[in-house]
Amino acid sequence: MASGKGESCLSKLLAHYKWFLETLAAGNNVDVVFLDFAKAFDKVDHASFS
């Protein structure tokens, strides 16, 4: 799934969800990895970006 210019985050999410469901319906396995970057970004000194 290549990212197209001008596509919203929601449209990409829905396209991925559709692929996910179609893959499962076809009897294939899907591996999912959830990453939480919130703590990493909380530790960034945001003042340094100014």
C-alpha atoms as a PDB file:
ATOM      1  CA  MET A   1       0.000   0.000   0.000  1.00  0.00           C
ATOM      2  CA  ALA A   2       1.859   3.008  -1.217  1.00  0.00           C
ATOM      3  CA  SER A   3       1.019   6.344   0.284  1.00  0.00           C
ATOM      4  CA  GLY A   4      -0.503   8.713  -2.216  1.00  0.00           C
ATOM      5  CA  LYS A   5      -0.266  12.463  -2.110  1.00  0.00           C
ATOM      6  CA  GLY A   6      -3.366  14.107  -0.722  1.00  0.00           C
ATOM      7  CA  GLU A   7      -4.777  10.971   0.872  1.00  0.00           C
ATOM      8  CA  SER A   8      -6.118  11.412   4.354  1.00  0.00           C
ATOM      9  CA  CYS A   9      -5.076   9.326   7.312  1.00  0.00           C
ATOM     10  CA  LEU A  10      -8.646   8.026   7.544  1.00  0.00           C
ATOM     11  CA  SER A  11      -8.710   6.863   3.913  1.00  0.00           C
ATOM     12  CA  LYS A  12      -5.398   5.022   4.417  1.00  0.00           C
ATOM     13  CA  LEU A  13      -6.719   3.438   7.614  1.00  0.00           C
ATOM     14  CA  LEU A  14      -9.903   2.276   5.875  1.00  0.00           C
ATOM     15  CA  ALA A  15      -7.939   0.872   2.931  1.00  0.00           C
ATOM     16  CA  HIS A  16      -5.695  -1.056   5.308  1.00  0.00           C
ATOM     17  CA  TYR A  17      -8.696  -2.314   7.283  1.00  0.00           C
ATOM     18  CA  LYS A  18     -10.334  -3.525   4.051  1.00  0.00           C
ATOM     19  CA  TRP A  19      -7.122  -5.370   3.073  1.00  0.00           C
ATOM     20  CA  PHE A  20      -6.922  -6.863   6.577  1.00  0.00           C
ATOM     21  CA  LEU A  21     -10.486  -8.214   6.420  1.00  0.00           C
ATOM     22  CA  GLU A  22     -10.087  -9.530   2.858  1.00  0.00           C
ATOM     23  CA  THR A  23      -6.869 -11.304   3.806  1.00  0.00           C
ATOM     24  CA  LEU A  24      -8.510 -12.968   6.811  1.00  0.00           C
ATOM     25  CA  ALA A  25     -11.607 -13.890   4.767  1.00  0.00           C
ATOM     26  CA  ALA A  26      -9.332 -15.615   2.244  1.00  0.00           C
ATOM     27  CA  GLY A  27      -8.044 -17.803   5.063  1.00  0.00           C
ATOM     28  CA  ASN A  28      -4.628 -16.185   5.282  1.00  0.00           C
ATOM     29  CA  ASN A  29      -2.852 -15.118   8.448  1.00  0.00           C
ATOM     30  CA  VAL A  30      -2.105 -11.516   9.324  1.00  0.00           C
ATOM     31  CA  ASP A  31       0.619 -10.508  11.767  1.00  0.00           C
ATOM     32  CA  VAL A  32       0.126  -7.234  13.599  1.00  0.00           C
ATOM     33  CA  VAL A  33       2.650  -5.219  15.573  1.00  0.00           C
ATOM     34  CA  PHE A  34       1.478  -2.296  17.696  1.00  0.00           C
ATOM     35  CA  LEU A  35       4.038   0.375  18.505  1.00  0.00           C
ATOM     36  CA  ASP A  36       3.537   3.103  21.089  1.00  0.00           C
ATOM     37  CA  PHE A  37       5.822   6.042  20.417  1.00  0.00           C
ATOM     38  CA  ALA A  38       4.066   8.358  22.880  1.00  0.00           C
ATOM     39  CA  LYS A  39       6.680   7.984  25.599  1.00  0.00           C
ATOM     40  CA  ALA A  40       9.509   8.501  23.138  1.00  0.00           C
ATOM     41  CA  PHE A  41       7.984  11.774  21.956  1.00  0.00           C
ATOM     42  CA  ASP A  42       7.234  12.871  25.524  1.00  0.00           C
ATOM     43  CA  LYS A  43      10.985  12.779  26.216  1.00  0.00           C
ATOM     44  CA  VAL A  44      11.881  15.075  23.310  1.00  0.00           C
ATOM     45  CA  ASP A  45      12.798  18.631  24.248  1.00  0.00           C
ATOM     46  CA  HIS A  46      10.227  20.421  22.084  1.00  0.00           C
ATOM     47  CA  ALA A  47      11.843  23.785  22.785  1.00  0.00           C
ATOM     48  CA  SER A  48      14.820  22.663  20.699  1.00  0.00           C
ATOM     49  CA  PHE A  49      12.600  22.654  17.598  1.00  0.00           C
ATOM     50  CA  SER A  50      11.963  26.407  17.810  1.00  0.00           C
END
